[in-house]
N, C-alpha and C. Protein backbone atom coordinates (compact mmCIF):
# COMPACT_ATOMS: atom_id res chain seq x y z
N UNK A 1 -9.38 -27.40 15.04
CA UNK A 1 -9.86 -26.05 15.26
C UNK A 1 -10.40 -25.52 13.92
N UNK A 2 -11.63 -25.05 13.92
CA UNK A 2 -12.19 -24.51 12.68
C UNK A 2 -11.81 -23.03 12.53
N UNK A 3 -12.16 -22.46 11.40
CA UNK A 3 -11.80 -21.07 11.09
C UNK A 3 -12.36 -20.10 12.12
N UNK A 4 -13.61 -20.32 12.54
CA UNK A 4 -14.21 -19.42 13.53
C UNK A 4 -13.46 -19.48 14.85
N UNK A 5 -13.10 -20.69 15.30
CA UNK A 5 -12.35 -20.82 16.55
C UNK A 5 -10.99 -20.13 16.43
N UNK A 6 -10.34 -20.29 15.30
CA UNK A 6 -9.03 -19.67 15.09
C UNK A 6 -9.16 -18.15 15.11
N UNK A 7 -10.20 -17.64 14.50
CA UNK A 7 -10.41 -16.19 14.48
C UNK A 7 -10.63 -15.66 15.89
N UNK A 8 -11.47 -16.34 16.68
CA UNK A 8 -11.74 -15.91 18.05
C UNK A 8 -10.45 -15.93 18.87
N UNK A 9 -9.68 -16.99 18.72
CA UNK A 9 -8.42 -17.11 19.47
C UNK A 9 -7.47 -15.98 19.09
N UNK A 10 -7.38 -15.68 17.81
CA UNK A 10 -6.51 -14.60 17.33
C UNK A 10 -6.96 -13.25 17.88
N UNK A 11 -8.27 -12.99 17.85
CA UNK A 11 -8.78 -11.71 18.36
C UNK A 11 -8.50 -11.57 19.86
N UNK A 12 -8.69 -12.64 20.60
CA UNK A 12 -8.42 -12.58 22.04
C UNK A 12 -6.94 -12.31 22.30
N UNK A 13 -6.09 -12.98 21.56
CA UNK A 13 -4.65 -12.78 21.72
C UNK A 13 -4.26 -11.34 21.40
N UNK A 14 -4.79 -10.81 20.30
CA UNK A 14 -4.49 -9.44 19.91
C UNK A 14 -5.01 -8.44 20.94
N UNK A 15 -6.15 -8.73 21.54
CA UNK A 15 -6.71 -7.83 22.56
C UNK A 15 -5.82 -7.79 23.81
N UNK A 16 -5.21 -8.91 24.14
CA UNK A 16 -4.36 -8.99 25.33
C UNK A 16 -2.94 -8.51 25.08
N UNK A 17 -2.49 -8.51 23.84
CA UNK A 17 -1.08 -8.25 23.55
C UNK A 17 -0.90 -7.07 22.60
N UNK A 18 -1.43 -5.96 22.95
CA UNK A 18 -1.32 -4.77 22.09
C UNK A 18 0.00 -4.05 22.33
N UNK A 19 0.62 -4.27 23.47
CA UNK A 19 1.85 -3.56 23.79
C UNK A 19 1.61 -2.30 24.59
N UNK A 20 0.38 -2.04 24.93
CA UNK A 20 0.00 -0.88 25.74
C UNK A 20 -0.80 -1.44 26.90
N UNK A 21 -0.14 -1.61 28.02
CA UNK A 21 -0.70 -2.37 29.14
C UNK A 21 -2.09 -1.91 29.57
N UNK A 22 -2.30 -0.61 29.63
CA UNK A 22 -3.59 -0.10 30.08
C UNK A 22 -4.71 -0.55 29.15
N UNK A 23 -4.45 -0.52 27.85
CA UNK A 23 -5.45 -0.99 26.87
C UNK A 23 -5.62 -2.50 26.98
N UNK A 24 -4.51 -3.21 27.16
CA UNK A 24 -4.57 -4.67 27.30
C UNK A 24 -5.51 -5.08 28.44
N UNK A 25 -5.43 -4.34 29.54
CA UNK A 25 -6.19 -4.70 30.74
C UNK A 25 -7.69 -4.45 30.60
N UNK A 26 -8.08 -3.68 29.60
CA UNK A 26 -9.50 -3.49 29.31
C UNK A 26 -9.92 -4.40 28.16
N UNK A 27 -9.16 -4.37 27.07
CA UNK A 27 -9.54 -5.12 25.87
C UNK A 27 -9.43 -6.62 26.04
N UNK A 28 -8.41 -7.09 26.76
CA UNK A 28 -8.23 -8.53 26.95
C UNK A 28 -9.40 -9.18 27.67
N UNK A 29 -9.74 -8.71 28.86
CA UNK A 29 -10.89 -9.29 29.56
C UNK A 29 -12.21 -9.10 28.79
N UNK A 30 -12.36 -7.96 28.11
CA UNK A 30 -13.56 -7.74 27.30
C UNK A 30 -13.65 -8.80 26.21
N UNK A 31 -12.55 -9.03 25.53
CA UNK A 31 -12.53 -10.04 24.46
C UNK A 31 -12.83 -11.42 25.03
N UNK A 32 -12.20 -11.76 26.15
CA UNK A 32 -12.43 -13.07 26.77
C UNK A 32 -13.91 -13.28 27.08
N UNK A 33 -14.55 -12.24 27.55
CA UNK A 33 -15.94 -12.35 27.97
C UNK A 33 -16.93 -12.26 26.81
N UNK A 34 -16.62 -11.50 25.77
CA UNK A 34 -17.65 -11.17 24.78
C UNK A 34 -17.46 -11.68 23.36
N UNK A 35 -16.24 -11.83 22.87
CA UNK A 35 -16.11 -12.12 21.43
C UNK A 35 -16.75 -13.43 21.00
N UNK A 36 -16.83 -14.39 21.88
CA UNK A 36 -17.45 -15.66 21.51
C UNK A 36 -18.96 -15.51 21.28
N UNK A 37 -19.54 -14.40 21.73
CA UNK A 37 -20.97 -14.15 21.52
C UNK A 37 -21.23 -13.23 20.33
N UNK A 38 -20.17 -12.68 19.72
CA UNK A 38 -20.31 -11.73 18.62
C UNK A 38 -20.72 -12.44 17.34
N UNK A 39 -21.55 -11.75 16.55
CA UNK A 39 -21.85 -12.25 15.21
C UNK A 39 -20.73 -11.79 14.26
N UNK A 40 -20.84 -12.14 13.00
CA UNK A 40 -19.79 -11.84 12.03
C UNK A 40 -19.51 -10.33 11.92
N UNK A 41 -20.55 -9.52 11.87
CA UNK A 41 -20.38 -8.07 11.76
C UNK A 41 -19.70 -7.51 13.01
N UNK A 42 -20.05 -8.02 14.16
CA UNK A 42 -19.44 -7.55 15.41
C UNK A 42 -17.97 -7.96 15.47
N UNK A 43 -17.67 -9.16 15.00
CA UNK A 43 -16.27 -9.60 14.95
C UNK A 43 -15.47 -8.71 14.00
N UNK A 44 -16.06 -8.36 12.86
CA UNK A 44 -15.40 -7.46 11.92
C UNK A 44 -15.12 -6.11 12.58
N UNK A 45 -16.11 -5.59 13.33
CA UNK A 45 -15.95 -4.32 14.03
C UNK A 45 -14.80 -4.40 15.03
N UNK A 46 -14.77 -5.47 15.83
CA UNK A 46 -13.74 -5.61 16.85
C UNK A 46 -12.36 -5.75 16.21
N UNK A 47 -12.30 -6.50 15.13
CA UNK A 47 -11.05 -6.67 14.41
C UNK A 47 -10.55 -5.31 13.89
N UNK A 48 -11.43 -4.52 13.31
CA UNK A 48 -11.06 -3.19 12.83
C UNK A 48 -10.64 -2.28 13.99
N UNK A 49 -11.34 -2.38 15.11
CA UNK A 49 -11.01 -1.59 16.28
C UNK A 49 -9.59 -1.89 16.75
N UNK A 50 -9.21 -3.15 16.72
CA UNK A 50 -7.88 -3.54 17.16
C UNK A 50 -6.77 -3.04 16.23
N UNK A 51 -7.14 -2.58 15.04
CA UNK A 51 -6.17 -2.00 14.10
C UNK A 51 -5.85 -0.55 14.44
N UNK A 52 -6.69 0.07 15.26
CA UNK A 52 -6.48 1.48 15.61
C UNK A 52 -5.23 1.63 16.47
N UNK A 53 -4.55 2.77 16.35
CA UNK A 53 -3.39 3.02 17.21
C UNK A 53 -3.78 2.98 18.70
N UNK A 54 -2.89 2.44 19.49
CA UNK A 54 -3.15 2.25 20.92
C UNK A 54 -3.63 3.51 21.63
N UNK A 55 -2.91 4.61 21.44
CA UNK A 55 -3.25 5.84 22.15
C UNK A 55 -4.64 6.34 21.77
N UNK A 56 -4.98 6.23 20.47
CA UNK A 56 -6.30 6.65 20.03
C UNK A 56 -7.38 5.78 20.66
N UNK A 57 -7.19 4.49 20.55
CA UNK A 57 -8.17 3.54 21.07
C UNK A 57 -8.38 3.73 22.57
N UNK A 58 -7.31 3.88 23.29
CA UNK A 58 -7.41 4.07 24.73
C UNK A 58 -8.14 5.38 25.06
N UNK A 59 -7.87 6.42 24.30
CA UNK A 59 -8.57 7.70 24.49
C UNK A 59 -10.07 7.57 24.25
N UNK A 60 -10.46 6.78 23.25
CA UNK A 60 -11.89 6.57 22.97
C UNK A 60 -12.54 5.79 24.10
N UNK A 61 -11.86 4.75 24.56
CA UNK A 61 -12.42 3.90 25.62
C UNK A 61 -12.64 4.72 26.90
N UNK A 62 -11.66 5.57 27.21
CA UNK A 62 -11.76 6.39 28.43
C UNK A 62 -12.56 7.67 28.22
N UNK A 63 -13.00 7.90 26.99
CA UNK A 63 -13.77 9.08 26.61
C UNK A 63 -12.98 10.37 26.80
N UNK A 64 -11.67 10.27 26.62
CA UNK A 64 -10.81 11.46 26.61
C UNK A 64 -10.85 12.12 25.24
N UNK A 65 -11.15 11.30 24.24
CA UNK A 65 -11.25 11.75 22.85
C UNK A 65 -12.58 11.26 22.30
N UNK A 66 -13.18 12.00 21.36
CA UNK A 66 -14.42 11.51 20.76
C UNK A 66 -14.15 10.26 19.92
N UNK A 67 -15.04 9.31 20.01
CA UNK A 67 -14.92 8.08 19.24
C UNK A 67 -15.33 8.37 17.79
N UNK A 68 -14.50 7.97 16.83
CA UNK A 68 -14.88 8.17 15.42
C UNK A 68 -16.18 7.45 15.09
N UNK A 69 -16.92 7.99 14.16
CA UNK A 69 -18.24 7.46 13.80
C UNK A 69 -18.21 5.98 13.48
N UNK A 70 -17.16 5.52 12.79
CA UNK A 70 -17.13 4.11 12.40
C UNK A 70 -17.00 3.15 13.58
N UNK A 71 -16.57 3.66 14.73
CA UNK A 71 -16.45 2.81 15.91
C UNK A 71 -17.48 3.14 16.99
N UNK A 72 -18.16 4.26 16.85
CA UNK A 72 -19.15 4.67 17.84
C UNK A 72 -20.43 3.87 17.64
N UNK A 73 -21.07 3.50 18.74
CA UNK A 73 -22.31 2.76 18.63
C UNK A 73 -22.45 1.73 19.74
N UNK A 74 -23.34 0.77 19.55
CA UNK A 74 -23.66 -0.18 20.61
C UNK A 74 -22.46 -0.98 21.13
N UNK A 75 -21.56 -1.39 20.26
CA UNK A 75 -20.42 -2.18 20.74
C UNK A 75 -19.42 -1.33 21.52
N UNK A 76 -19.20 -0.11 21.09
CA UNK A 76 -18.31 0.77 21.85
C UNK A 76 -18.96 1.08 23.19
N UNK A 77 -20.26 1.27 23.21
CA UNK A 77 -20.96 1.49 24.48
C UNK A 77 -20.81 0.28 25.40
N UNK A 78 -20.87 -0.91 24.82
CA UNK A 78 -20.68 -2.14 25.60
C UNK A 78 -19.26 -2.20 26.16
N UNK A 79 -18.29 -1.80 25.36
CA UNK A 79 -16.90 -1.78 25.81
C UNK A 79 -16.71 -0.76 26.94
N UNK A 80 -17.32 0.40 26.81
CA UNK A 80 -17.22 1.43 27.85
C UNK A 80 -17.93 0.99 29.13
N UNK A 81 -19.06 0.32 29.00
CA UNK A 81 -19.76 -0.21 30.18
C UNK A 81 -18.91 -1.28 30.86
N UNK A 82 -18.24 -2.09 30.05
CA UNK A 82 -17.33 -3.11 30.60
C UNK A 82 -16.20 -2.44 31.38
N UNK A 83 -15.66 -1.36 30.81
CA UNK A 83 -14.62 -0.58 31.50
C UNK A 83 -15.11 -0.10 32.85
N UNK A 84 -16.34 0.42 32.89
CA UNK A 84 -16.91 0.91 34.15
C UNK A 84 -17.07 -0.21 35.17
N UNK A 85 -17.56 -1.37 34.72
CA UNK A 85 -17.74 -2.51 35.62
C UNK A 85 -16.40 -3.01 36.15
N UNK A 86 -15.39 -3.06 35.27
CA UNK A 86 -14.06 -3.51 35.69
C UNK A 86 -13.48 -2.53 36.71
N UNK A 87 -13.70 -1.24 36.50
CA UNK A 87 -13.20 -0.23 37.43
C UNK A 87 -13.88 -0.39 38.79
N UNK A 88 -15.18 -0.65 38.79
CA UNK A 88 -15.89 -0.86 40.07
C UNK A 88 -15.34 -2.08 40.80
N UNK A 89 -15.08 -3.15 40.05
CA UNK A 89 -14.57 -4.39 40.65
C UNK A 89 -13.20 -4.15 41.27
N UNK A 90 -12.35 -3.36 40.61
CA UNK A 90 -11.04 -3.05 41.14
C UNK A 90 -11.17 -2.20 42.40
N UNK A 91 -12.08 -1.25 42.38
CA UNK A 91 -12.29 -0.37 43.53
C UNK A 91 -12.84 -1.09 44.74
N UNK A 92 -13.56 -2.20 44.50
CA UNK A 92 -14.12 -2.97 45.61
C UNK A 92 -13.22 -4.13 46.03
N UNK A 93 -12.09 -4.29 45.33
CA UNK A 93 -11.21 -5.45 45.57
C UNK A 93 -10.33 -5.29 46.70
């Protein structure tokens, strides 16, 4: 396993095992689907995002709280769109 593979595996694990089930159920599948396509800067962003406190991060994802500037942008929009698609899939299940 090379360094990049190890990093991706670690990020996916961290996304699934935050200890806050509601966040896990959004971040885990998002990581599984997207992190392997991220460039270095995007991986850095996701890694930093995973350092945020669970309640804050979950509030940003659900748009209950404004997303801080350092996390707001195309990747957060992608994460929110993923949340919407996952919600539709659950509603149609």
